[in-house]
mmCIF file of all heavy atoms, coordinates in Angstrom:
data_MODEL
# 
_entry.id   MODEL 
# 
loop_
_atom_site.group_PDB 
_atom_site.id 
_atom_site.type_symbol 
_atom_site.label_atom_id 
_atom_site.label_alt_id 
_atom_site.label_comp_id 
_atom_site.label_asym_id 
_atom_site.label_entity_id 
_atom_site.label_seq_id 
_atom_site.pdbx_PDB_ins_code 
_atom_site.Cartn_x 
_atom_site.Cartn_y 
_atom_site.Cartn_z 
_atom_site.occupancy 
_atom_site.B_iso_or_equiv 
_atom_site.pdbx_formal_charge 
_atom_site.auth_seq_id 
_atom_site.auth_comp_id 
_atom_site.auth_asym_id 
_atom_site.auth_atom_id 
_atom_site.pdbx_PDB_model_num 
ATOM 1   N N   . HIS A 1 1  ? 0.660   0.063  -15.244 1.00 0.00 ? 1  HIS A N   1 
ATOM 2   C CA  . HIS A 1 1  ? -0.227  1.164  -14.839 1.00 0.00 ? 1  HIS A CA  1 
ATOM 3   C C   . HIS A 1 1  ? -1.313  0.687  -13.899 1.00 0.00 ? 1  HIS A C   1 
ATOM 4   O O   . HIS A 1 1  ? -1.674  1.366  -12.922 1.00 0.00 ? 1  HIS A O   1 
ATOM 5   C CB  . HIS A 1 1  ? -0.818  1.858  -16.066 1.00 0.00 ? 1  HIS A CB  1 
ATOM 6   C CG  . HIS A 1 1  ? 0.192   2.691  -16.785 1.00 0.00 ? 1  HIS A CG  1 
ATOM 7   N ND1 . HIS A 1 1  ? 0.620   3.897  -16.308 1.00 0.00 ? 1  HIS A ND1 1 
ATOM 8   C CD2 . HIS A 1 1  ? 0.867   2.451  -17.933 1.00 0.00 ? 1  HIS A CD2 1 
ATOM 9   C CE1 . HIS A 1 1  ? 1.535   4.398  -17.112 1.00 0.00 ? 1  HIS A CE1 1 
ATOM 10  N NE2 . HIS A 1 1  ? 1.699   3.525  -18.114 1.00 0.00 ? 1  HIS A NE2 1 
ATOM 11  N N   . ALA A 1 2  ? -1.845  -0.518 -14.128 1.00 0.00 ? 2  ALA A N   1 
ATOM 12  C CA  . ALA A 1 2  ? -2.857  -1.080 -13.230 1.00 0.00 ? 2  ALA A CA  1 
ATOM 13  C C   . ALA A 1 2  ? -2.261  -1.326 -11.849 1.00 0.00 ? 2  ALA A C   1 
ATOM 14  O O   . ALA A 1 2  ? -2.891  -1.031 -10.827 1.00 0.00 ? 2  ALA A O   1 
ATOM 15  C CB  . ALA A 1 2  ? -3.423  -2.377 -13.817 1.00 0.00 ? 2  ALA A CB  1 
ATOM 16  N N   . PHE A 1 3  ? -1.036  -1.872 -11.801 1.00 0.00 ? 3  PHE A N   1 
ATOM 17  C CA  . PHE A 1 3  ? -0.376  -2.091 -10.511 1.00 0.00 ? 3  PHE A CA  1 
ATOM 18  C C   . PHE A 1 3  ? -0.121  -0.765 -9.801  1.00 0.00 ? 3  PHE A C   1 
ATOM 19  O O   . PHE A 1 3  ? -0.339  -0.660 -8.592  1.00 0.00 ? 3  PHE A O   1 
ATOM 20  C CB  . PHE A 1 3  ? 0.959   -2.830 -10.713 1.00 0.00 ? 3  PHE A CB  1 
ATOM 21  C CG  . PHE A 1 3  ? 1.757   -2.939 -9.443  1.00 0.00 ? 3  PHE A CG  1 
ATOM 22  C CD1 . PHE A 1 3  ? 1.345   -3.803 -8.431  1.00 0.00 ? 3  PHE A CD1 1 
ATOM 23  C CD2 . PHE A 1 3  ? 2.868   -2.148 -9.242  1.00 0.00 ? 3  PHE A CD2 1 
ATOM 24  C CE1 . PHE A 1 3  ? 2.055   -3.885 -7.240  1.00 0.00 ? 3  PHE A CE1 1 
ATOM 25  C CE2 . PHE A 1 3  ? 3.589   -2.228 -8.068  1.00 0.00 ? 3  PHE A CE2 1 
ATOM 26  C CZ  . PHE A 1 3  ? 3.182   -3.085 -7.065  1.00 0.00 ? 3  PHE A CZ  1 
ATOM 27  N N   . SER A 1 4  ? 0.294   0.257  -10.522 1.00 0.00 ? 4  SER A N   1 
ATOM 28  C CA  . SER A 1 4  ? 0.543   1.560  -9.929  1.00 0.00 ? 4  SER A CA  1 
ATOM 29  C C   . SER A 1 4  ? -0.747  2.141  -9.318  1.00 0.00 ? 4  SER A C   1 
ATOM 30  O O   . SER A 1 4  ? -0.720  2.659  -8.200  1.00 0.00 ? 4  SER A O   1 
ATOM 31  C CB  . SER A 1 4  ? 1.088   2.514  -10.997 1.00 0.00 ? 4  SER A CB  1 
ATOM 32  O OG  . SER A 1 4  ? 1.388   3.775  -10.452 1.00 0.00 ? 4  SER A OG  1 
ATOM 33  N N   . ARG A 1 5  ? -1.852  2.028  -10.045 1.00 0.00 ? 5  ARG A N   1 
ATOM 34  C CA  . ARG A 1 5  ? -3.134  2.511  -9.514  1.00 0.00 ? 5  ARG A CA  1 
ATOM 35  C C   . ARG A 1 5  ? -3.538  1.714  -8.266  1.00 0.00 ? 5  ARG A C   1 
ATOM 36  O O   . ARG A 1 5  ? -3.992  2.302  -7.267  1.00 0.00 ? 5  ARG A O   1 
ATOM 37  C CB  . ARG A 1 5  ? -4.234  2.405  -10.562 1.00 0.00 ? 5  ARG A CB  1 
ATOM 38  C CG  . ARG A 1 5  ? -4.148  3.491  -11.626 1.00 0.00 ? 5  ARG A CG  1 
ATOM 39  C CD  . ARG A 1 5  ? -5.378  3.500  -12.531 1.00 0.00 ? 5  ARG A CD  1 
ATOM 40  N NE  . ARG A 1 5  ? -5.688  2.201  -13.144 1.00 0.00 ? 5  ARG A NE  1 
ATOM 41  C CZ  . ARG A 1 5  ? -5.151  1.774  -14.271 1.00 0.00 ? 5  ARG A CZ  1 
ATOM 42  N NH1 . ARG A 1 5  ? -4.275  2.507  -14.934 1.00 0.00 ? 5  ARG A NH1 1 
ATOM 43  N NH2 . ARG A 1 5  ? -5.501  0.599  -14.766 1.00 0.00 ? 5  ARG A NH2 1 
ATOM 44  N N   . PHE A 1 6  ? -3.350  0.387  -8.305  1.00 0.00 ? 6  PHE A N   1 
ATOM 45  C CA  . PHE A 1 6  ? -3.684  -0.430 -7.141  1.00 0.00 ? 6  PHE A CA  1 
ATOM 46  C C   . PHE A 1 6  ? -2.835  -0.022 -5.946  1.00 0.00 ? 6  PHE A C   1 
ATOM 47  O O   . PHE A 1 6  ? -3.349  0.180  -4.857  1.00 0.00 ? 6  PHE A O   1 
ATOM 48  C CB  . PHE A 1 6  ? -3.461  -1.915 -7.463  1.00 0.00 ? 6  PHE A CB  1 
ATOM 49  C CG  . PHE A 1 6  ? -3.502  -2.773 -6.236  1.00 0.00 ? 6  PHE A CG  1 
ATOM 50  C CD1 . PHE A 1 6  ? -4.714  -3.065 -5.621  1.00 0.00 ? 6  PHE A CD1 1 
ATOM 51  C CD2 . PHE A 1 6  ? -2.347  -3.291 -5.670  1.00 0.00 ? 6  PHE A CD2 1 
ATOM 52  C CE1 . PHE A 1 6  ? -4.769  -3.844 -4.475  1.00 0.00 ? 6  PHE A CE1 1 
ATOM 53  C CE2 . PHE A 1 6  ? -2.388  -4.069 -4.539  1.00 0.00 ? 6  PHE A CE2 1 
ATOM 54  C CZ  . PHE A 1 6  ? -3.603  -4.357 -3.935  1.00 0.00 ? 6  PHE A CZ  1 
ATOM 55  N N   . LEU A 1 7  ? -1.528  0.093  -6.121  1.00 0.00 ? 7  LEU A N   1 
ATOM 56  C CA  . LEU A 1 7  ? -0.630  0.435  -5.019  1.00 0.00 ? 7  LEU A CA  1 
ATOM 57  C C   . LEU A 1 7  ? -0.973  1.810  -4.447  1.00 0.00 ? 7  LEU A C   1 
ATOM 58  O O   . LEU A 1 7  ? -1.032  1.975  -3.228  1.00 0.00 ? 7  LEU A O   1 
ATOM 59  C CB  . LEU A 1 7  ? 0.826   0.388  -5.479  1.00 0.00 ? 7  LEU A CB  1 
ATOM 60  C CG  . LEU A 1 7  ? 1.879   0.539  -4.379  1.00 0.00 ? 7  LEU A CG  1 
ATOM 61  C CD1 . LEU A 1 7  ? 1.751   -0.569 -3.346  1.00 0.00 ? 7  LEU A CD1 1 
ATOM 62  C CD2 . LEU A 1 7  ? 3.263   0.545  -4.982  1.00 0.00 ? 7  LEU A CD2 1 
ATOM 63  N N   . SER A 1 8  ? -1.234  2.781  -5.297  1.00 0.00 ? 8  SER A N   1 
ATOM 64  C CA  . SER A 1 8  ? -1.631  4.112  -4.826  1.00 0.00 ? 8  SER A CA  1 
ATOM 65  C C   . SER A 1 8  ? -2.906  4.052  -4.003  1.00 0.00 ? 8  SER A C   1 
ATOM 66  O O   . SER A 1 8  ? -2.997  4.629  -2.923  1.00 0.00 ? 8  SER A O   1 
ATOM 67  C CB  . SER A 1 8  ? -1.859  5.060  -6.016  1.00 0.00 ? 8  SER A CB  1 
ATOM 68  O OG  . SER A 1 8  ? -0.668  5.301  -6.693  1.00 0.00 ? 8  SER A OG  1 
ATOM 69  N N   . SER A 1 9  ? -3.889  3.346  -4.513  1.00 0.00 ? 9  SER A N   1 
ATOM 70  C CA  . SER A 1 9  ? -5.186  3.241  -3.804  1.00 0.00 ? 9  SER A CA  1 
ATOM 71  C C   . SER A 1 9  ? -5.026  2.489  -2.485  1.00 0.00 ? 9  SER A C   1 
ATOM 72  O O   . SER A 1 9  ? -5.587  2.881  -1.474  1.00 0.00 ? 9  SER A O   1 
ATOM 73  C CB  . SER A 1 9  ? -6.203  2.522  -4.678  1.00 0.00 ? 9  SER A CB  1 
ATOM 74  O OG  . SER A 1 9  ? -6.475  3.251  -5.851  1.00 0.00 ? 9  SER A OG  1 
ATOM 75  N N   . LEU A 1 10 ? -4.255  1.398  -2.507  1.00 0.00 ? 10 LEU A N   1 
ATOM 76  C CA  . LEU A 1 10 ? -4.061  0.607  -1.307  1.00 0.00 ? 10 LEU A CA  1 
ATOM 77  C C   . LEU A 1 10 ? -3.390  1.433  -0.200  1.00 0.00 ? 10 LEU A C   1 
ATOM 78  O O   . LEU A 1 10 ? -3.873  1.492  0.926   1.00 0.00 ? 10 LEU A O   1 
ATOM 79  C CB  . LEU A 1 10 ? -3.203  -0.626 -1.619  1.00 0.00 ? 10 LEU A CB  1 
ATOM 80  C CG  . LEU A 1 10 ? -2.778  -1.439 -0.411  1.00 0.00 ? 10 LEU A CG  1 
ATOM 81  C CD1 . LEU A 1 10 ? -3.977  -2.090 0.282   1.00 0.00 ? 10 LEU A CD1 1 
ATOM 82  C CD2 . LEU A 1 10 ? -1.779  -2.523 -0.856  1.00 0.00 ? 10 LEU A CD2 1 
ATOM 83  N N   . LEU A 1 11 ? -2.283  2.088  -0.528  1.00 0.00 ? 11 LEU A N   1 
ATOM 84  C CA  . LEU A 1 11 ? -1.540  2.824  0.494   1.00 0.00 ? 11 LEU A CA  1 
ATOM 85  C C   . LEU A 1 11 ? -2.292  4.044  1.014   1.00 0.00 ? 11 LEU A C   1 
ATOM 86  O O   . LEU A 1 11 ? -2.092  4.452  2.158   1.00 0.00 ? 11 LEU A O   1 
ATOM 87  C CB  . LEU A 1 11 ? -0.161  3.225  -0.047  1.00 0.00 ? 11 LEU A CB  1 
ATOM 88  C CG  . LEU A 1 11 ? 0.773   2.047  -0.311  1.00 0.00 ? 11 LEU A CG  1 
ATOM 89  C CD1 . LEU A 1 11 ? 2.063   2.518  -0.936  1.00 0.00 ? 11 LEU A CD1 1 
ATOM 90  C CD2 . LEU A 1 11 ? 1.038   1.235  0.962   1.00 0.00 ? 11 LEU A CD2 1 
ATOM 91  N N   . ALA A 1 12 ? -3.176  4.601  0.207   1.00 0.00 ? 12 ALA A N   1 
ATOM 92  C CA  . ALA A 1 12 ? -3.945  5.775  0.614   1.00 0.00 ? 12 ALA A CA  1 
ATOM 93  C C   . ALA A 1 12 ? -5.262  5.412  1.318   1.00 0.00 ? 12 ALA A C   1 
ATOM 94  O O   . ALA A 1 12 ? -5.903  6.299  1.881   1.00 0.00 ? 12 ALA A O   1 
ATOM 95  C CB  . ALA A 1 12 ? -4.219  6.660  -0.587  1.00 0.00 ? 12 ALA A CB  1 
ATOM 96  N N   . ALA A 1 13 ? -5.657  4.145  1.291   1.00 0.00 ? 13 ALA A N   1 
ATOM 97  C CA  . ALA A 1 13 ? -6.964  3.733  1.841   1.00 0.00 ? 13 ALA A CA  1 
ATOM 98  C C   . ALA A 1 13 ? -6.932  3.743  3.369   1.00 0.00 ? 13 ALA A C   1 
ATOM 99  O O   . ALA A 1 13 ? -6.238  2.912  3.969   1.00 0.00 ? 13 ALA A O   1 
ATOM 100 C CB  . ALA A 1 13 ? -7.337  2.344  1.326   1.00 0.00 ? 13 ALA A CB  1 
ATOM 101 N N   . PRO A 1 14 ? -7.688  4.631  4.020   1.00 0.00 ? 14 PRO A N   1 
ATOM 102 C CA  . PRO A 1 14 ? -7.685  4.680  5.470   1.00 0.00 ? 14 PRO A CA  1 
ATOM 103 C C   . PRO A 1 14 ? -8.376  3.489  6.134   1.00 0.00 ? 14 PRO A C   1 
ATOM 104 O O   . PRO A 1 14 ? -8.120  3.181  7.279   1.00 0.00 ? 14 PRO A O   1 
ATOM 105 C CB  . PRO A 1 14 ? -8.434  5.979  5.779   1.00 0.00 ? 14 PRO A CB  1 
ATOM 106 C CG  . PRO A 1 14 ? -9.309  6.194  4.610   1.00 0.00 ? 14 PRO A CG  1 
ATOM 107 C CD  . PRO A 1 14 ? -8.567  5.644  3.408   1.00 0.00 ? 14 PRO A CD  1 
ATOM 108 N N   . HIS A 1 15 ? -9.228  2.799  5.383   1.00 0.00 ? 15 HIS A N   1 
ATOM 109 C CA  . HIS A 1 15 ? -9.966  1.684  5.950   1.00 0.00 ? 15 HIS A CA  1 
ATOM 110 C C   . HIS A 1 15 ? -9.205  0.355  5.808   1.00 0.00 ? 15 HIS A C   1 
ATOM 111 O O   . HIS A 1 15 ? -9.731  -0.680 6.225   1.00 0.00 ? 15 HIS A O   1 
ATOM 112 C CB  . HIS A 1 15 ? -11.341 1.587  5.282   1.00 0.00 ? 15 HIS A CB  1 
ATOM 113 C CG  . HIS A 1 15 ? -11.264 1.263  3.827   1.00 0.00 ? 15 HIS A CG  1 
ATOM 114 N ND1 . HIS A 1 15 ? -10.918 2.196  2.879   1.00 0.00 ? 15 HIS A ND1 1 
ATOM 115 C CD2 . HIS A 1 15 ? -11.468 0.117  3.158   1.00 0.00 ? 15 HIS A CD2 1 
ATOM 116 C CE1 . HIS A 1 15 ? -10.923 1.633  1.703   1.00 0.00 ? 15 HIS A CE1 1 
ATOM 117 N NE2 . HIS A 1 15 ? -11.247 0.364  1.835   1.00 0.00 ? 15 HIS A NE2 1 
ATOM 118 N N   . VAL A 1 16 ? -8.018  0.391  5.237   1.00 0.00 ? 16 VAL A N   1 
ATOM 119 C CA  . VAL A 1 16 ? -7.208  -0.815 5.092   1.00 0.00 ? 16 VAL A CA  1 
ATOM 120 C C   . VAL A 1 16 ? -5.947  -0.661 5.923   1.00 0.00 ? 16 VAL A C   1 
ATOM 121 O O   . VAL A 1 16 ? -5.155  0.241  5.695   1.00 0.00 ? 16 VAL A O   1 
ATOM 122 C CB  . VAL A 1 16 ? -6.838  -1.083 3.625   1.00 0.00 ? 16 VAL A CB  1 
ATOM 123 C CG1 . VAL A 1 16 ? -5.995  -2.344 3.499   1.00 0.00 ? 16 VAL A CG1 1 
ATOM 124 C CG2 . VAL A 1 16 ? -8.088  -1.172 2.736   1.00 0.00 ? 16 VAL A CG2 1 
ATOM 125 N N   . VAL A 1 17 ? -5.772  -1.544 6.892   1.00 0.00 ? 17 VAL A N   1 
ATOM 126 C CA  . VAL A 1 17 ? -4.588  -1.536 7.734   1.00 0.00 ? 17 VAL A CA  1 
ATOM 127 C C   . VAL A 1 17 ? -3.509  -2.358 7.014   1.00 0.00 ? 17 VAL A C   1 
ATOM 128 O O   . VAL A 1 17 ? -3.743  -3.501 6.658   1.00 0.00 ? 17 VAL A O   1 
ATOM 129 C CB  . VAL A 1 17 ? -4.863  -2.155 9.122   1.00 0.00 ? 17 VAL A CB  1 
ATOM 130 C CG1 . VAL A 1 17 ? -3.597  -2.260 9.937   1.00 0.00 ? 17 VAL A CG1 1 
ATOM 131 C CG2 . VAL A 1 17 ? -5.927  -1.321 9.851   1.00 0.00 ? 17 VAL A CG2 1 
ATOM 132 N N   . LYS A 1 18 ? -2.364  -1.733 6.735   1.00 0.00 ? 18 LYS A N   1 
ATOM 133 C CA  . LYS A 1 18 ? -1.268  -2.376 6.051   1.00 0.00 ? 18 LYS A CA  1 
ATOM 134 C C   . LYS A 1 18 ? -0.178  -2.733 7.062   1.00 0.00 ? 18 LYS A C   1 
ATOM 135 O O   . LYS A 1 18 ? 0.282   -1.872 7.805   1.00 0.00 ? 18 LYS A O   1 
ATOM 136 C CB  . LYS A 1 18 ? -0.675  -1.456 4.976   1.00 0.00 ? 18 LYS A CB  1 
ATOM 137 C CG  . LYS A 1 18 ? -1.471  -1.331 3.694   1.00 0.00 ? 18 LYS A CG  1 
ATOM 138 C CD  . LYS A 1 18 ? -2.713  -0.504 3.753   1.00 0.00 ? 18 LYS A CD  1 
ATOM 139 C CE  . LYS A 1 18 ? -2.495  0.968  3.987   1.00 0.00 ? 18 LYS A CE  1 
ATOM 140 N NZ  . LYS A 1 18 ? -3.729  1.756  4.003   1.00 0.00 ? 18 LYS A NZ  1 
ATOM 141 N N   . LEU A 1 19 ? 0.225   -4.001 7.095   1.00 0.00 ? 19 LEU A N   1 
ATOM 142 C CA  . LEU A 1 19 ? 1.249   -4.484 7.990   1.00 0.00 ? 19 LEU A CA  1 
ATOM 143 C C   . LEU A 1 19 ? 2.411   -5.067 7.199   1.00 0.00 ? 19 LEU A C   1 
ATOM 144 O O   . LEU A 1 19 ? 2.194   -5.686 6.156   1.00 0.00 ? 19 LEU A O   1 
ATOM 145 C CB  . LEU A 1 19 ? 0.712   -5.608 8.893   1.00 0.00 ? 19 LEU A CB  1 
ATOM 146 C CG  . LEU A 1 19 ? -0.392  -5.303 9.867   1.00 0.00 ? 19 LEU A CG  1 
ATOM 147 C CD1 . LEU A 1 19 ? -0.885  -6.553 10.536  1.00 0.00 ? 19 LEU A CD1 1 
ATOM 148 C CD2 . LEU A 1 19 ? 0.083   -4.293 10.886  1.00 0.00 ? 19 LEU A CD2 1 
ATOM 149 N N   . GLY A 1 20 ? 3.599   -4.881 7.713   1.00 0.00 ? 20 GLY A N   1 
ATOM 150 C CA  . GLY A 1 20 ? 4.770   -5.481 7.076   1.00 0.00 ? 20 GLY A CA  1 
ATOM 151 C C   . GLY A 1 20 ? 5.948   -5.484 8.030   1.00 0.00 ? 20 GLY A C   1 
ATOM 152 O O   . GLY A 1 20 ? 5.985   -4.708 8.991   1.00 0.00 ? 20 GLY A O   1 
ATOM 153 N N   . PHE A 1 21 ? 6.879   -6.333 7.766   1.00 0.00 ? 21 PHE A N   1 
ATOM 154 C CA  . PHE A 1 21 ? 8.125   -6.401 8.554   1.00 0.00 ? 21 PHE A CA  1 
ATOM 155 C C   . PHE A 1 21 ? 9.134   -5.517 7.828   1.00 0.00 ? 21 PHE A C   1 
ATOM 156 O O   . PHE A 1 21 ? 9.471   -5.778 6.682   1.00 0.00 ? 21 PHE A O   1 
ATOM 157 C CB  . PHE A 1 21 ? 8.626   -7.846 8.644   1.00 0.00 ? 21 PHE A CB  1 
ATOM 158 C CG  . PHE A 1 21 ? 9.845   -8.003 9.515   1.00 0.00 ? 21 PHE A CG  1 
ATOM 159 C CD1 . PHE A 1 21 ? 9.702   -8.089 10.887  1.00 0.00 ? 21 PHE A CD1 1 
ATOM 160 C CD2 . PHE A 1 21 ? 11.100  -8.008 8.955   1.00 0.00 ? 21 PHE A CD2 1 
ATOM 161 C CE1 . PHE A 1 21 ? 10.815  -8.227 11.685  1.00 0.00 ? 21 PHE A CE1 1 
ATOM 162 C CE2 . PHE A 1 21 ? 12.220  -8.154 9.765   1.00 0.00 ? 21 PHE A CE2 1 
ATOM 163 C CZ  . PHE A 1 21 ? 12.064  -8.244 11.140  1.00 0.00 ? 21 PHE A CZ  1 
ATOM 164 N N   . GLN A 1 22 ? 9.589   -4.466 8.500   1.00 0.00 ? 22 GLN A N   1 
ATOM 165 C CA  . GLN A 1 22 ? 10.440  -3.438 7.893   1.00 0.00 ? 22 GLN A CA  1 
ATOM 166 C C   . GLN A 1 22 ? 9.820   -2.915 6.604   1.00 0.00 ? 22 GLN A C   1 
ATOM 167 O O   . GLN A 1 22 ? 10.419  -2.831 5.553   1.00 0.00 ? 22 GLN A O   1 
ATOM 168 C CB  . GLN A 1 22 ? 11.855  -3.972 7.664   1.00 0.00 ? 22 GLN A CB  1 
ATOM 169 C CG  . GLN A 1 22 ? 12.526  -4.351 8.980   1.00 0.00 ? 22 GLN A CG  1 
ATOM 170 C CD  . GLN A 1 22 ? 13.947  -4.841 8.843   1.00 0.00 ? 22 GLN A CD  1 
ATOM 171 O OE1 . GLN A 1 22 ? 14.366  -5.320 7.797   1.00 0.00 ? 22 GLN A OE1 1 
ATOM 172 N NE2 . GLN A 1 22 ? 14.711  -4.729 9.921   1.00 0.00 ? 22 GLN A NE2 1 
ATOM 173 N N   . LEU A 1 23 ? 8.549   -2.528 6.724   1.00 0.00 ? 23 LEU A N   1 
ATOM 174 C CA  . LEU A 1 23 ? 7.714   -2.120 5.605   1.00 0.00 ? 23 LEU A CA  1 
ATOM 175 C C   . LEU A 1 23 ? 8.304   -0.908 4.877   1.00 0.00 ? 23 LEU A C   1 
ATOM 176 O O   . LEU A 1 23 ? 8.269   -0.864 3.646   1.00 0.00 ? 23 LEU A O   1 
ATOM 177 C CB  . LEU A 1 23 ? 6.297   -1.802 6.101   1.00 0.00 ? 23 LEU A CB  1 
ATOM 178 C CG  . LEU A 1 23 ? 5.276   -1.414 5.061   1.00 0.00 ? 23 LEU A CG  1 
ATOM 179 C CD1 . LEU A 1 23 ? 5.123   -2.496 4.007   1.00 0.00 ? 23 LEU A CD1 1 
ATOM 180 C CD2 . LEU A 1 23 ? 3.922   -1.145 5.729   1.00 0.00 ? 23 LEU A CD2 1 
ATOM 181 N N   . ALA A 1 24 ? 8.837   0.052  5.582   1.00 0.00 ? 24 ALA A N   1 
ATOM 182 C CA  . ALA A 1 24 ? 9.402   1.241  4.929   1.00 0.00 ? 24 ALA A CA  1 
ATOM 183 C C   . ALA A 1 24 ? 10.532  0.848  3.973   1.00 0.00 ? 24 ALA A C   1 
ATOM 184 O O   . ALA A 1 24 ? 10.634  1.370  2.866   1.00 0.00 ? 24 ALA A O   1 
ATOM 185 C CB  . ALA A 1 24 ? 9.916   2.230  5.967   1.00 0.00 ? 24 ALA A CB  1 
ATOM 186 N N   . GLY A 1 25 ? 11.356  -0.095 4.381   1.00 0.00 ? 25 GLY A N   1 
ATOM 187 C CA  . GLY A 1 25 ? 12.423  -0.567 3.544   1.00 0.00 ? 25 GLY A CA  1 
ATOM 188 C C   . GLY A 1 25 ? 11.910  -1.261 2.287   1.00 0.00 ? 25 GLY A C   1 
ATOM 189 O O   . GLY A 1 25 ? 12.436  -1.065 1.180   1.00 0.00 ? 25 GLY A O   1 
ATOM 190 N N   . ASP A 1 26 ? 10.878  -2.071 2.441   1.00 0.00 ? 26 ASP A N   1 
ATOM 191 C CA  . ASP A 1 26 ? 10.284  -2.749 1.282   1.00 0.00 ? 26 ASP A CA  1 
ATOM 192 C C   . ASP A 1 26 ? 9.697   -1.732 0.301   1.00 0.00 ? 26 ASP A C   1 
ATOM 193 O O   . ASP A 1 26 ? 9.869   -1.834 -0.911  1.00 0.00 ? 26 ASP A O   1 
ATOM 194 C CB  . ASP A 1 26 ? 9.196   -3.734 1.719   1.00 0.00 ? 26 ASP A CB  1 
ATOM 195 C CG  . ASP A 1 26 ? 9.738   -5.069 2.169   1.00 0.00 ? 26 ASP A CG  1 
ATOM 196 O OD1 . ASP A 1 26 ? 10.985  -5.234 2.222   1.00 0.00 ? 26 ASP A OD1 1 
ATOM 197 O OD2 . ASP A 1 26 ? 8.920   -5.959 2.456   1.00 0.00 ? 26 ASP A OD2 1 
# 
């Protein structure tokens, strides 16, 4: 549940730029 809350907050945070290689697939 803590990981789920973190992931939700991270992906929704407009002030955090998320980068990944083929990120949608991951």
